[in-house]
Amino acid sequence: MIRHKAVYAPGSGEIVEKKSRFIAHVQSAETVEEAQGFIEEIKKRYWDARHNCYAFSVGTENPVTRFSDDGEPGGTAGKPILEVILGSGIRNVVIVVTRYFGGTLLGTGGLVRAYTEASREGIRNTVVVDKIPGIRLLLSSDYTDLGKIQYILAQQETVTEEIIYTDRVMIRAAVASEAKDGLVRKLIEATSDRVKITEDGEVYFGEAAGEKLVFD
């Protein structure tokens, strides 16, 4: 698992260059099939457009990348879209840029700039989350230690998913993988080893639109 950016909520953006409209749609895609399905969806939606160019990157550690100029001069559309994706650090993402021709030729340089800017505009209107590799911890504690535990969790890069109150307090939280050992030590020391801690697998977590999130 590696730290990376991902699409949390899809977005779109539009620019106009010499009366040509460039409409970018940004969507998450976990597989090549998902990316291709979204591309076909956009092509059907904008069936009357001159071009529907795209690029995608699928996978986190060794991503599969593909792009298409869809009839534009070679290297002027799909590759610039892919360059925007790679420069953004976003993984598992597909961008389709639809062009409605405005009657004026833009030239190769103009096309590259237009597809690049449209892609960036689409990303600007997309909710992106920084996904941090983490470990989910299950904490079991007496009520007397709850305040100490919550204070320590708040000081670390963690997300508390759930707190269950029974005869004991059960807390489910995610912590950054590299911070896990240090957090466990602090919790044990602060509670004189009264807190019981078990690991519950690897997860990603992060924050998007002001909300703390955990991704299984």
N, C-alpha and C. Protein backbone atom coordinates (compact mmCIF):
# COMPACT_ATOMS: atom_id res chain seq x y z
N MET A 1 0.84 -1.19 0.00
CA MET A 1 0.00 0.00 0.00
C MET A 1 0.88 1.25 0.00
N ILE A 2 0.55 2.20 -0.85
CA ILE A 2 1.31 3.44 -0.92
C ILE A 2 0.36 4.64 -0.79
N ARG A 3 0.90 5.71 -0.27
CA ARG A 3 0.11 6.93 -0.14
C ARG A 3 -0.14 7.51 -1.53
N HIS A 4 -1.38 7.89 -1.80
CA HIS A 4 -1.71 8.45 -3.09
C HIS A 4 -3.00 9.25 -3.01
N LYS A 5 -3.29 9.98 -4.07
CA LYS A 5 -4.54 10.72 -4.16
C LYS A 5 -5.56 9.92 -4.95
N ALA A 6 -6.84 10.12 -4.63
CA ALA A 6 -7.91 9.41 -5.32
C ALA A 6 -9.13 10.31 -5.42
N VAL A 7 -9.99 10.00 -6.39
CA VAL A 7 -11.24 10.74 -6.55
C VAL A 7 -12.23 10.26 -5.50
N TYR A 8 -12.74 11.19 -4.71
CA TYR A 8 -13.77 10.88 -3.72
C TYR A 8 -15.16 11.17 -4.28
N ALA A 9 -15.29 12.27 -5.00
CA ALA A 9 -16.54 12.62 -5.67
C ALA A 9 -16.20 13.12 -7.08
N PRO A 10 -16.87 12.61 -8.11
CA PRO A 10 -16.54 12.99 -9.49
C PRO A 10 -16.80 14.46 -9.75
N GLY A 11 -16.18 14.97 -10.82
CA GLY A 11 -16.37 16.38 -11.15
C GLY A 11 -16.25 16.61 -12.65
N SER A 12 -16.52 17.82 -13.05
CA SER A 12 -16.42 18.18 -14.46
C SER A 12 -16.04 19.65 -14.58
N GLY A 13 -15.52 20.02 -15.72
CA GLY A 13 -15.15 21.40 -15.97
C GLY A 13 -15.18 21.68 -17.46
N GLU A 14 -15.31 22.93 -17.82
CA GLU A 14 -15.41 23.30 -19.23
C GLU A 14 -14.61 24.56 -19.49
N ILE A 15 -13.95 24.59 -20.64
CA ILE A 15 -13.30 25.81 -21.13
C ILE A 15 -13.73 26.02 -22.58
N VAL A 16 -13.60 27.24 -23.05
CA VAL A 16 -13.90 27.58 -24.44
C VAL A 16 -12.65 28.20 -25.05
N GLU A 17 -12.23 27.67 -26.18
CA GLU A 17 -11.05 28.17 -26.87
C GLU A 17 -11.42 28.40 -28.33
N LYS A 18 -11.46 29.68 -28.74
CA LYS A 18 -11.82 30.05 -30.12
C LYS A 18 -13.12 29.36 -30.54
N LYS A 19 -14.09 29.46 -29.68
CA LYS A 19 -15.46 28.96 -29.88
C LYS A 19 -15.58 27.44 -29.82
N SER A 20 -14.47 26.71 -29.65
CA SER A 20 -14.54 25.27 -29.41
C SER A 20 -14.76 25.04 -27.92
N ARG A 21 -15.72 24.16 -27.60
CA ARG A 21 -15.99 23.82 -26.20
C ARG A 21 -15.23 22.55 -25.84
N PHE A 22 -14.56 22.57 -24.71
CA PHE A 22 -13.85 21.40 -24.20
C PHE A 22 -14.44 21.08 -22.83
N ILE A 23 -15.11 19.95 -22.72
CA ILE A 23 -15.82 19.56 -21.50
C ILE A 23 -15.13 18.34 -20.91
N ALA A 24 -14.58 18.48 -19.71
CA ALA A 24 -13.86 17.38 -19.06
C ALA A 24 -14.71 16.75 -17.97
N HIS A 25 -14.73 15.43 -17.95
CA HIS A 25 -15.40 14.69 -16.89
C HIS A 25 -14.36 13.80 -16.20
N VAL A 26 -14.32 13.86 -14.86
CA VAL A 26 -13.35 13.12 -14.06
C VAL A 26 -14.10 12.13 -13.18
N GLN A 27 -13.66 10.88 -13.20
CA GLN A 27 -14.36 9.82 -12.48
C GLN A 27 -13.35 8.82 -11.93
N SER A 28 -13.65 8.22 -10.79
CA SER A 28 -12.79 7.16 -10.28
C SER A 28 -13.03 5.88 -11.06
N ALA A 29 -11.99 5.06 -11.16
CA ALA A 29 -12.09 3.78 -11.87
C ALA A 29 -11.08 2.83 -11.24
N GLU A 30 -11.56 1.74 -10.66
CA GLU A 30 -10.68 0.78 -10.00
C GLU A 30 -10.11 -0.25 -10.96
N THR A 31 -10.74 -0.40 -12.14
CA THR A 31 -10.30 -1.40 -13.12
C THR A 31 -10.33 -0.78 -14.51
N VAL A 32 -9.63 -1.43 -15.43
CA VAL A 32 -9.65 -1.00 -16.82
C VAL A 32 -11.09 -1.05 -17.36
N GLU A 33 -11.82 -2.08 -16.96
CA GLU A 33 -13.20 -2.23 -17.43
C GLU A 33 -14.08 -1.07 -16.96
N GLU A 34 -13.88 -0.65 -15.71
CA GLU A 34 -14.65 0.49 -15.20
C GLU A 34 -14.31 1.75 -15.99
N ALA A 35 -13.04 1.96 -16.27
CA ALA A 35 -12.63 3.13 -17.03
C ALA A 35 -13.24 3.11 -18.42
N GLN A 36 -13.18 1.97 -19.08
CA GLN A 36 -13.72 1.87 -20.43
C GLN A 36 -15.24 2.05 -20.42
N GLY A 37 -15.89 1.55 -19.39
CA GLY A 37 -17.33 1.72 -19.28
C GLY A 37 -17.71 3.19 -19.16
N PHE A 38 -16.93 3.94 -18.37
CA PHE A 38 -17.22 5.37 -18.21
C PHE A 38 -16.97 6.11 -19.52
N ILE A 39 -15.92 5.74 -20.23
CA ILE A 39 -15.62 6.37 -21.53
C ILE A 39 -16.78 6.16 -22.49
N GLU A 40 -17.31 4.94 -22.55
CA GLU A 40 -18.44 4.66 -23.44
C GLU A 40 -19.68 5.44 -23.01
N GLU A 41 -19.86 5.60 -21.71
CA GLU A 41 -21.00 6.37 -21.20
C GLU A 41 -20.93 7.82 -21.67
N ILE A 42 -19.75 8.41 -21.59
CA ILE A 42 -19.58 9.79 -22.04
C ILE A 42 -19.76 9.90 -23.55
N LYS A 43 -19.26 8.94 -24.29
CA LYS A 43 -19.41 8.97 -25.74
C LYS A 43 -20.88 8.92 -26.14
N LYS A 44 -21.67 8.13 -25.42
CA LYS A 44 -23.10 8.07 -25.72
C LYS A 44 -23.80 9.37 -25.34
N ARG A 45 -23.38 9.96 -24.21
CA ARG A 45 -24.01 11.20 -23.76
C ARG A 45 -23.71 12.34 -24.73
N TYR A 46 -22.46 12.37 -25.25
CA TYR A 46 -22.06 13.43 -26.16
C TYR A 46 -21.83 12.84 -27.56
N TRP A 47 -22.83 12.15 -28.04
CA TRP A 47 -22.73 11.44 -29.32
C TRP A 47 -22.54 12.39 -30.50
N ASP A 48 -22.98 13.66 -30.34
CA ASP A 48 -22.90 14.61 -31.43
C ASP A 48 -21.63 15.45 -31.42
N ALA A 49 -20.72 15.16 -30.49
CA ALA A 49 -19.47 15.92 -30.41
C ALA A 49 -18.47 15.43 -31.45
N ARG A 50 -17.55 16.32 -31.82
CA ARG A 50 -16.53 15.95 -32.80
C ARG A 50 -15.54 14.94 -32.23
N HIS A 51 -15.16 15.11 -30.96
CA HIS A 51 -14.17 14.23 -30.35
C HIS A 51 -14.52 13.96 -28.89
N ASN A 52 -14.23 12.75 -28.43
CA ASN A 52 -14.27 12.38 -27.01
C ASN A 52 -12.92 11.73 -26.69
N CYS A 53 -11.98 12.53 -26.28
CA CYS A 53 -10.63 12.05 -26.02
C CYS A 53 -10.49 11.69 -24.54
N TYR A 54 -9.60 10.78 -24.24
CA TYR A 54 -9.53 10.32 -22.84
C TYR A 54 -8.15 9.84 -22.47
N ALA A 55 -7.98 9.66 -21.16
CA ALA A 55 -6.81 8.99 -20.59
C ALA A 55 -7.23 8.44 -19.25
N PHE A 56 -6.57 7.36 -18.83
CA PHE A 56 -6.84 6.83 -17.49
C PHE A 56 -5.60 6.19 -16.90
N SER A 57 -5.63 6.11 -15.57
CA SER A 57 -4.57 5.45 -14.81
C SER A 57 -5.25 4.56 -13.78
N VAL A 58 -5.03 3.26 -13.88
CA VAL A 58 -5.69 2.29 -13.00
C VAL A 58 -4.63 1.49 -12.25
N GLY A 59 -4.76 1.43 -10.94
CA GLY A 59 -3.79 0.75 -10.10
C GLY A 59 -3.05 1.77 -9.26
N THR A 60 -2.53 1.33 -8.11
CA THR A 60 -1.85 2.26 -7.22
C THR A 60 -0.33 2.17 -7.30
N GLU A 61 0.22 0.97 -7.28
CA GLU A 61 1.68 0.84 -7.24
C GLU A 61 2.30 0.71 -8.63
N ASN A 62 1.66 -0.02 -9.53
CA ASN A 62 2.12 -0.15 -10.91
C ASN A 62 0.94 0.11 -11.84
N PRO A 63 0.54 1.38 -11.96
CA PRO A 63 -0.69 1.68 -12.68
C PRO A 63 -0.63 1.35 -14.17
N VAL A 64 -1.77 0.94 -14.70
CA VAL A 64 -1.97 0.74 -16.13
C VAL A 64 -2.48 2.06 -16.69
N THR A 65 -1.82 2.59 -17.71
CA THR A 65 -2.24 3.85 -18.30
C THR A 65 -2.54 3.67 -19.79
N ARG A 66 -3.60 4.36 -20.23
CA ARG A 66 -3.96 4.35 -21.64
C ARG A 66 -4.53 5.72 -22.00
N PHE A 67 -4.45 6.05 -23.29
CA PHE A 67 -5.05 7.31 -23.74
C PHE A 67 -5.45 7.20 -25.20
N SER A 68 -6.30 8.12 -25.63
CA SER A 68 -6.76 8.14 -27.02
C SER A 68 -6.97 9.58 -27.46
N ASP A 69 -6.54 9.88 -28.71
CA ASP A 69 -6.77 11.19 -29.29
C ASP A 69 -8.12 11.27 -30.00
N ASP A 70 -8.76 10.14 -30.24
CA ASP A 70 -10.10 10.06 -30.86
C ASP A 70 -10.22 10.99 -32.07
N GLY A 71 -9.27 10.88 -32.96
CA GLY A 71 -9.36 11.63 -34.21
C GLY A 71 -8.63 12.96 -34.23
N GLU A 72 -8.22 13.46 -33.08
CA GLU A 72 -7.41 14.67 -33.06
C GLU A 72 -5.99 14.31 -33.55
N PRO A 73 -5.21 15.29 -33.99
CA PRO A 73 -3.83 15.00 -34.41
C PRO A 73 -3.06 14.27 -33.30
N GLY A 74 -2.24 13.30 -33.68
CA GLY A 74 -1.54 12.47 -32.72
C GLY A 74 -0.77 13.27 -31.69
N GLY A 75 -0.98 12.93 -30.40
CA GLY A 75 -0.25 13.55 -29.31
C GLY A 75 -0.81 14.86 -28.83
N THR A 76 -1.96 15.31 -29.38
CA THR A 76 -2.48 16.62 -29.00
C THR A 76 -3.61 16.57 -27.97
N ALA A 77 -4.10 15.37 -27.66
CA ALA A 77 -5.28 15.28 -26.78
C ALA A 77 -5.10 14.26 -25.67
N GLY A 78 -5.06 12.98 -26.03
CA GLY A 78 -4.98 11.93 -25.02
C GLY A 78 -3.73 12.02 -24.16
N LYS A 79 -2.59 12.26 -24.79
CA LYS A 79 -1.34 12.33 -24.02
C LYS A 79 -1.33 13.52 -23.07
N PRO A 80 -1.74 14.72 -23.50
CA PRO A 80 -1.82 15.83 -22.54
C PRO A 80 -2.76 15.54 -21.37
N ILE A 81 -3.87 14.86 -21.62
CA ILE A 81 -4.77 14.49 -20.53
C ILE A 81 -4.06 13.57 -19.55
N LEU A 82 -3.34 12.58 -20.10
CA LEU A 82 -2.60 11.65 -19.25
C LEU A 82 -1.52 12.37 -18.45
N GLU A 83 -0.85 13.34 -19.06
CA GLU A 83 0.18 14.10 -18.35
C GLU A 83 -0.42 14.85 -17.16
N VAL A 84 -1.62 15.36 -17.31
CA VAL A 84 -2.29 16.03 -16.20
C VAL A 84 -2.57 15.03 -15.08
N ILE A 85 -3.04 13.85 -15.45
CA ILE A 85 -3.31 12.81 -14.45
C ILE A 85 -2.03 12.46 -13.69
N LEU A 86 -0.95 12.20 -14.42
CA LEU A 86 0.30 11.80 -13.78
C LEU A 86 0.85 12.93 -12.91
N GLY A 87 0.70 14.16 -13.35
CA GLY A 87 1.18 15.29 -12.57
C GLY A 87 0.36 15.56 -11.32
N SER A 88 -0.90 15.12 -11.32
CA SER A 88 -1.78 15.37 -10.18
C SER A 88 -1.53 14.40 -9.03
N GLY A 89 -0.94 13.24 -9.34
CA GLY A 89 -0.72 12.22 -8.31
C GLY A 89 -1.96 11.39 -8.03
N ILE A 90 -3.02 11.60 -8.79
CA ILE A 90 -4.26 10.85 -8.58
C ILE A 90 -4.14 9.48 -9.25
N ARG A 91 -4.54 8.45 -8.54
CA ARG A 91 -4.55 7.09 -9.10
C ARG A 91 -6.00 6.62 -9.24
N ASN A 92 -6.17 5.57 -10.04
CA ASN A 92 -7.51 5.00 -10.27
C ASN A 92 -8.48 6.08 -10.73
N VAL A 93 -8.13 6.70 -11.85
CA VAL A 93 -8.93 7.83 -12.34
C VAL A 93 -9.01 7.78 -13.87
N VAL A 94 -10.12 8.23 -14.40
CA VAL A 94 -10.30 8.36 -15.84
C VAL A 94 -10.82 9.76 -16.12
N ILE A 95 -10.27 10.40 -17.15
CA ILE A 95 -10.73 11.71 -17.59
C ILE A 95 -11.10 11.62 -19.07
N VAL A 96 -12.30 12.07 -19.39
CA VAL A 96 -12.75 12.17 -20.78
C VAL A 96 -12.99 13.64 -21.09
N VAL A 97 -12.38 14.13 -22.15
CA VAL A 97 -12.58 15.52 -22.58
C VAL A 97 -13.30 15.51 -23.91
N THR A 98 -14.49 16.06 -23.91
CA THR A 98 -15.33 16.15 -25.10
C THR A 98 -15.10 17.49 -25.78
N ARG A 99 -14.95 17.47 -27.12
CA ARG A 99 -14.76 18.72 -27.85
C ARG A 99 -15.88 18.93 -28.87
N TYR A 100 -16.51 20.08 -28.75
CA TYR A 100 -17.42 20.54 -29.79
C TYR A 100 -16.68 21.59 -30.61
N PHE A 101 -16.46 21.28 -31.88
CA PHE A 101 -15.65 22.13 -32.75
C PHE A 101 -16.33 23.47 -32.99
N GLY A 102 -15.56 24.55 -32.83
CA GLY A 102 -16.13 25.89 -32.97
C GLY A 102 -15.89 26.54 -34.31
N GLY A 103 -15.26 25.81 -35.25
CA GLY A 103 -15.08 26.35 -36.59
C GLY A 103 -13.70 26.91 -36.87
N THR A 104 -12.87 27.03 -35.83
CA THR A 104 -11.53 27.58 -36.01
C THR A 104 -10.49 26.55 -35.59
N LEU A 105 -9.54 26.28 -36.48
CA LEU A 105 -8.48 25.33 -36.15
C LEU A 105 -7.55 25.93 -35.09
N LEU A 106 -7.17 25.12 -34.14
CA LEU A 106 -6.33 25.61 -33.03
C LEU A 106 -4.85 25.31 -33.22
N GLY A 107 -4.52 24.42 -34.13
CA GLY A 107 -3.12 24.03 -34.28
C GLY A 107 -2.72 23.06 -33.18
N THR A 108 -1.61 22.39 -33.37
CA THR A 108 -1.21 21.37 -32.40
C THR A 108 -0.95 21.97 -31.02
N GLY A 109 -0.25 23.09 -30.98
CA GLY A 109 0.03 23.72 -29.68
C GLY A 109 -1.23 24.17 -28.98
N GLY A 110 -2.17 24.73 -29.74
CA GLY A 110 -3.43 25.17 -29.16
C GLY A 110 -4.25 24.02 -28.63
N LEU A 111 -4.24 22.89 -29.33
CA LEU A 111 -4.97 21.71 -28.87
C LEU A 111 -4.38 21.16 -27.58
N VAL A 112 -3.06 21.07 -27.53
CA VAL A 112 -2.40 20.57 -26.32
C VAL A 112 -2.77 21.44 -25.13
N ARG A 113 -2.71 22.76 -25.31
CA ARG A 113 -3.04 23.67 -24.21
C ARG A 113 -4.51 23.53 -23.80
N ALA A 114 -5.40 23.40 -24.78
CA ALA A 114 -6.83 23.32 -24.48
C ALA A 114 -7.18 22.03 -23.74
N TYR A 115 -6.65 20.90 -24.19
CA TYR A 115 -6.95 19.64 -23.52
C TYR A 115 -6.31 19.58 -22.13
N THR A 116 -5.14 20.19 -22.01
CA THR A 116 -4.48 20.25 -20.70
C THR A 116 -5.31 21.09 -19.73
N GLU A 117 -5.70 22.28 -20.15
CA GLU A 117 -6.44 23.18 -19.26
C GLU A 117 -7.82 22.63 -18.93
N ALA A 118 -8.48 22.00 -19.90
CA ALA A 118 -9.80 21.40 -19.62
C ALA A 118 -9.67 20.30 -18.58
N SER A 119 -8.64 19.47 -18.69
CA SER A 119 -8.42 18.40 -17.72
C SER A 119 -8.16 18.97 -16.33
N ARG A 120 -7.36 20.00 -16.25
CA ARG A 120 -7.08 20.64 -14.96
C ARG A 120 -8.34 21.25 -14.36
N GLU A 121 -9.17 21.85 -15.22
CA GLU A 121 -10.41 22.43 -14.74
C GLU A 121 -11.34 21.35 -14.19
N GLY A 122 -11.38 20.20 -14.87
CA GLY A 122 -12.18 19.09 -14.36
C GLY A 122 -11.72 18.64 -12.99
N ILE A 123 -10.40 18.51 -12.80
CA ILE A 123 -9.85 18.09 -11.51
C ILE A 123 -10.13 19.14 -10.43
N ARG A 124 -10.04 20.42 -10.81
CA ARG A 124 -10.32 21.48 -9.83
C ARG A 124 -11.74 21.38 -9.27
N ASN A 125 -12.66 20.85 -10.07
CA ASN A 125 -14.05 20.71 -9.64
C ASN A 125 -14.37 19.31 -9.11
N THR A 126 -13.34 18.54 -8.84
CA THR A 126 -13.49 17.18 -8.33
C THR A 126 -13.03 17.14 -6.87
N VAL A 127 -13.72 16.36 -6.05
CA VAL A 127 -13.29 16.20 -4.66
C VAL A 127 -12.24 15.09 -4.62
N VAL A 128 -11.04 15.45 -4.21
CA VAL A 128 -9.92 14.51 -4.19
C VAL A 128 -9.50 14.25 -2.75
N VAL A 129 -9.21 13.00 -2.43
CA VAL A 129 -8.78 12.63 -1.08
C VAL A 129 -7.35 12.10 -1.13
N ASP A 130 -6.57 12.46 -0.13
CA ASP A 130 -5.22 11.93 0.04
C ASP A 130 -5.34 10.65 0.85
N LYS A 131 -5.15 9.49 0.20
CA LYS A 131 -5.35 8.21 0.87
C LYS A 131 -4.05 7.76 1.53
N ILE A 132 -4.11 7.62 2.86
CA ILE A 132 -2.94 7.29 3.67
C ILE A 132 -3.00 5.81 4.06
N PRO A 133 -1.94 5.03 3.80
CA PRO A 133 -1.94 3.63 4.23
C PRO A 133 -1.97 3.54 5.74
N GLY A 134 -2.85 2.69 6.27
CA GLY A 134 -2.96 2.60 7.71
C GLY A 134 -3.28 1.21 8.21
N ILE A 135 -3.34 1.11 9.52
CA ILE A 135 -3.71 -0.12 10.21
C ILE A 135 -4.94 0.17 11.06
N ARG A 136 -5.94 -0.69 10.98
CA ARG A 136 -7.12 -0.53 11.85
C ARG A 136 -6.83 -1.20 13.19
N LEU A 137 -7.06 -0.46 14.27
CA LEU A 137 -6.86 -0.98 15.62
C LEU A 137 -8.19 -1.07 16.34
N LEU A 138 -8.34 -2.13 17.12
CA LEU A 138 -9.49 -2.30 17.99
C LEU A 138 -9.01 -2.14 19.42
N LEU A 139 -9.53 -1.14 20.12
CA LEU A 139 -9.11 -0.84 21.49
C LEU A 139 -10.23 -1.17 22.46
N SER A 140 -9.88 -1.86 23.52
CA SER A 140 -10.84 -2.17 24.59
C SER A 140 -10.30 -1.56 25.87
N SER A 141 -11.14 -0.73 26.53
CA SER A 141 -10.65 0.04 27.66
C SER A 141 -11.70 0.19 28.76
N ASP A 142 -11.22 0.40 29.97
CA ASP A 142 -12.11 0.83 31.05
C ASP A 142 -12.50 2.28 30.80
N TYR A 143 -13.62 2.68 31.41
CA TYR A 143 -14.07 4.06 31.25
C TYR A 143 -13.08 5.06 31.85
N THR A 144 -12.36 4.65 32.86
CA THR A 144 -11.43 5.58 33.52
C THR A 144 -10.29 6.02 32.60
N ASP A 145 -9.98 5.20 31.61
CA ASP A 145 -8.87 5.54 30.71
C ASP A 145 -9.34 6.18 29.40
N LEU A 146 -10.64 6.33 29.21
CA LEU A 146 -11.17 6.81 27.93
C LEU A 146 -10.63 8.19 27.57
N GLY A 147 -10.61 9.10 28.53
CA GLY A 147 -10.13 10.44 28.24
C GLY A 147 -8.69 10.45 27.76
N LYS A 148 -7.83 9.68 28.41
CA LYS A 148 -6.43 9.60 28.01
C LYS A 148 -6.30 9.05 26.59
N ILE A 149 -7.06 8.00 26.31
CA ILE A 149 -6.98 7.37 24.99
C ILE A 149 -7.43 8.33 23.90
N GLN A 150 -8.54 9.01 24.12
CA GLN A 150 -9.05 9.94 23.11
C GLN A 150 -8.08 11.10 22.90
N TYR A 151 -7.44 11.56 23.96
CA TYR A 151 -6.46 12.63 23.84
C TYR A 151 -5.28 12.18 22.98
N ILE A 152 -4.77 10.99 23.25
CA ILE A 152 -3.62 10.48 22.49
C ILE A 152 -4.00 10.27 21.02
N LEU A 153 -5.17 9.72 20.77
CA LEU A 153 -5.61 9.51 19.38
C LEU A 153 -5.71 10.84 18.65
N ALA A 154 -6.18 11.87 19.34
CA ALA A 154 -6.35 13.18 18.71
C ALA A 154 -5.01 13.82 18.36
N GLN A 155 -3.94 13.44 19.07
CA GLN A 155 -2.62 14.00 18.82
C GLN A 155 -1.90 13.31 17.67
N GLN A 156 -2.42 12.16 17.23
CA GLN A 156 -1.77 11.38 16.18
C GLN A 156 -2.55 11.51 14.87
N GLU A 157 -1.94 11.00 13.80
CA GLU A 157 -2.62 10.97 12.49
C GLU A 157 -3.54 9.75 12.47
N THR A 158 -4.72 9.91 13.07
CA THR A 158 -5.65 8.79 13.20
C THR A 158 -7.06 9.23 12.82
N VAL A 159 -7.90 8.24 12.56
CA VAL A 159 -9.33 8.47 12.36
C VAL A 159 -10.08 7.49 13.25
N THR A 160 -10.92 8.01 14.13
CA THR A 160 -11.76 7.15 14.96
C THR A 160 -13.03 6.82 14.21
N GLU A 161 -13.23 5.53 13.91
CA GLU A 161 -14.39 5.11 13.13
C GLU A 161 -15.64 4.91 13.99
N GLU A 162 -15.43 4.35 15.19
CA GLU A 162 -16.59 3.96 15.98
C GLU A 162 -16.20 3.82 17.45
N ILE A 163 -17.12 4.22 18.33
CA ILE A 163 -16.96 4.00 19.77
C ILE A 163 -18.22 3.31 20.28
N ILE A 164 -18.03 2.17 20.93
CA ILE A 164 -19.16 1.39 21.46
C ILE A 164 -19.05 1.37 22.98
N TYR A 165 -20.14 1.76 23.62
CA TYR A 165 -20.16 1.84 25.09
C TYR A 165 -20.97 0.66 25.65
N THR A 166 -20.28 -0.25 26.32
CA THR A 166 -20.94 -1.36 27.02
C THR A 166 -20.38 -1.37 28.45
N ASP A 167 -20.05 -2.55 28.98
CA ASP A 167 -19.39 -2.57 30.28
C ASP A 167 -17.96 -2.04 30.17
N ARG A 168 -17.41 -2.09 28.94
CA ARG A 168 -16.13 -1.46 28.61
C ARG A 168 -16.35 -0.57 27.39
N VAL A 169 -15.35 0.21 27.06
CA VAL A 169 -15.41 1.06 25.87
C VAL A 169 -14.62 0.40 24.75
N MET A 170 -15.26 0.23 23.60
CA MET A 170 -14.61 -0.36 22.43
C MET A 170 -14.42 0.75 21.39
N ILE A 171 -13.20 0.94 20.94
CA ILE A 171 -12.90 1.97 19.95
C ILE A 171 -12.28 1.32 18.72
N ARG A 172 -12.80 1.67 17.58
CA ARG A 172 -12.20 1.22 16.31
C ARG A 172 -11.60 2.44 15.63
N ALA A 173 -10.31 2.40 15.38
CA ALA A 173 -9.61 3.56 14.83
C ALA A 173 -8.56 3.11 13.82
N ALA A 174 -8.25 4.00 12.88
CA ALA A 174 -7.20 3.75 11.90
C ALA A 174 -6.05 4.70 12.15
N VAL A 175 -4.83 4.18 12.04
CA VAL A 175 -3.63 4.97 12.27
C VAL A 175 -2.67 4.73 11.10
N ALA A 176 -1.90 5.75 10.76
CA ALA A 176 -0.90 5.61 9.70
C ALA A 176 0.04 4.45 10.02
N SER A 177 0.35 3.65 9.02
CA SER A 177 1.14 2.44 9.24
C SER A 177 2.45 2.71 9.97
N GLU A 178 3.17 3.78 9.56
CA GLU A 178 4.47 4.06 10.17
C GLU A 178 4.35 4.61 11.59
N ALA A 179 3.14 5.05 11.96
CA ALA A 179 2.94 5.61 13.30
C ALA A 179 2.33 4.61 14.28
N LYS A 180 2.01 3.42 13.79
CA LYS A 180 1.27 2.45 14.61
C LYS A 180 2.03 2.03 15.85
N ASP A 181 3.29 1.65 15.71
CA ASP A 181 4.05 1.16 16.86
C ASP A 181 4.19 2.23 17.94
N GLY A 182 4.47 3.46 17.53
CA GLY A 182 4.60 4.54 18.50
C GLY A 182 3.29 4.83 19.21
N LEU A 183 2.18 4.77 18.48
CA LEU A 183 0.87 5.00 19.09
C LEU A 183 0.56 3.92 20.11
N VAL A 184 0.82 2.68 19.77
CA VAL A 184 0.55 1.57 20.70
C VAL A 184 1.34 1.74 21.98
N ARG A 185 2.61 2.13 21.84
CA ARG A 185 3.44 2.34 23.04
C ARG A 185 2.85 3.43 23.93
N LYS A 186 2.44 4.54 23.33
CA LYS A 186 1.88 5.64 24.11
C LYS A 186 0.61 5.22 24.83
N LEU A 187 -0.24 4.45 24.15
CA LEU A 187 -1.50 4.01 24.77
C LEU A 187 -1.24 3.07 25.94
N ILE A 188 -0.30 2.16 25.76
CA ILE A 188 0.03 1.22 26.82
C ILE A 188 0.63 1.94 28.03
N GLU A 189 1.54 2.88 27.76
CA GLU A 189 2.17 3.62 28.86
C GLU A 189 1.14 4.48 29.60
N ALA A 190 0.27 5.15 28.85
CA ALA A 190 -0.69 6.07 29.48
C ALA A 190 -1.72 5.35 30.33
N THR A 191 -2.01 4.08 29.98
CA THR A 191 -3.03 3.33 30.72
C THR A 191 -2.42 2.25 31.60
N SER A 192 -1.11 2.28 31.74
CA SER A 192 -0.41 1.24 32.53
C SER A 192 -0.79 -0.16 32.05
N ASP A 193 -0.86 -0.31 30.73
CA ASP A 193 -1.13 -1.60 30.07
C ASP A 193 -2.56 -2.11 30.29
N ARG A 194 -3.47 -1.22 30.69
CA ARG A 194 -4.85 -1.66 30.88
C ARG A 194 -5.62 -1.75 29.56
N VAL A 195 -5.26 -0.93 28.59
CA VAL A 195 -5.94 -0.97 27.31
C VAL A 195 -5.53 -2.22 26.55
N LYS A 196 -6.48 -2.87 25.92
CA LYS A 196 -6.23 -4.07 25.11
C LYS A 196 -6.31 -3.67 23.64
N ILE A 197 -5.26 -3.98 22.90
CA ILE A 197 -5.16 -3.52 21.51
C ILE A 197 -4.95 -4.71 20.58
N THR A 198 -5.77 -4.78 19.55
CA THR A 198 -5.61 -5.80 18.51
C THR A 198 -5.65 -5.13 17.14
N GLU A 199 -4.92 -5.69 16.18
CA GLU A 199 -4.93 -5.17 14.81
C GLU A 199 -6.04 -5.85 14.01
N ASP A 200 -6.65 -5.08 13.11
CA ASP A 200 -7.78 -5.59 12.33
C ASP A 200 -7.60 -5.30 10.84
N GLY A 201 -6.38 -5.48 10.37
CA GLY A 201 -6.12 -5.39 8.94
C GLY A 201 -5.67 -4.02 8.46
N GLU A 202 -5.26 -3.99 7.18
CA GLU A 202 -4.78 -2.77 6.54
C GLU A 202 -5.96 -2.00 5.94
N VAL A 203 -5.88 -0.68 6.01
CA VAL A 203 -6.90 0.18 5.43
C VAL A 203 -6.22 1.45 4.88
N TYR A 204 -6.96 2.18 4.07
CA TYR A 204 -6.57 3.54 3.73
C TYR A 204 -7.48 4.48 4.51
N PHE A 205 -6.95 5.65 4.87
CA PHE A 205 -7.81 6.67 5.45
C PHE A 205 -7.36 8.03 4.99
N GLY A 206 -8.22 9.02 5.19
CA GLY A 206 -7.89 10.37 4.76
C GLY A 206 -9.01 11.32 5.08
N GLU A 207 -8.97 12.49 4.47
CA GLU A 207 -9.98 13.51 4.73
C GLU A 207 -10.38 14.15 3.42
N ALA A 208 -11.69 14.28 3.21
CA ALA A 208 -12.22 14.92 2.01
C ALA A 208 -13.44 15.74 2.39
N ALA A 209 -13.50 16.96 1.86
CA ALA A 209 -14.63 17.86 2.11
C ALA A 209 -14.88 18.02 3.62
N GLY A 210 -13.78 18.04 4.40
CA GLY A 210 -13.90 18.24 5.84
C GLY A 210 -14.31 17.03 6.62
N GLU A 211 -14.45 15.89 5.97
CA GLU A 211 -14.88 14.66 6.63
C GLU A 211 -13.74 13.66 6.67
N LYS A 212 -13.51 13.07 7.86
CA LYS A 212 -12.49 12.04 8.00
C LYS A 212 -13.07 10.69 7.57
N LEU A 213 -12.31 9.96 6.76
CA LEU A 213 -12.84 8.76 6.11
C LEU A 213 -11.86 7.60 6.24
N VAL A 214 -12.42 6.38 6.24
CA VAL A 214 -11.63 5.16 6.20
C VAL A 214 -12.12 4.33 5.02
N PHE A 215 -11.16 3.81 4.25
CA PHE A 215 -11.48 3.03 3.04
C PHE A 215 -10.96 1.62 3.22
N ASP A 216 -11.85 0.63 3.18
CA ASP A 216 -11.45 -0.77 3.31
C ASP A 216 -10.78 -1.24 2.03
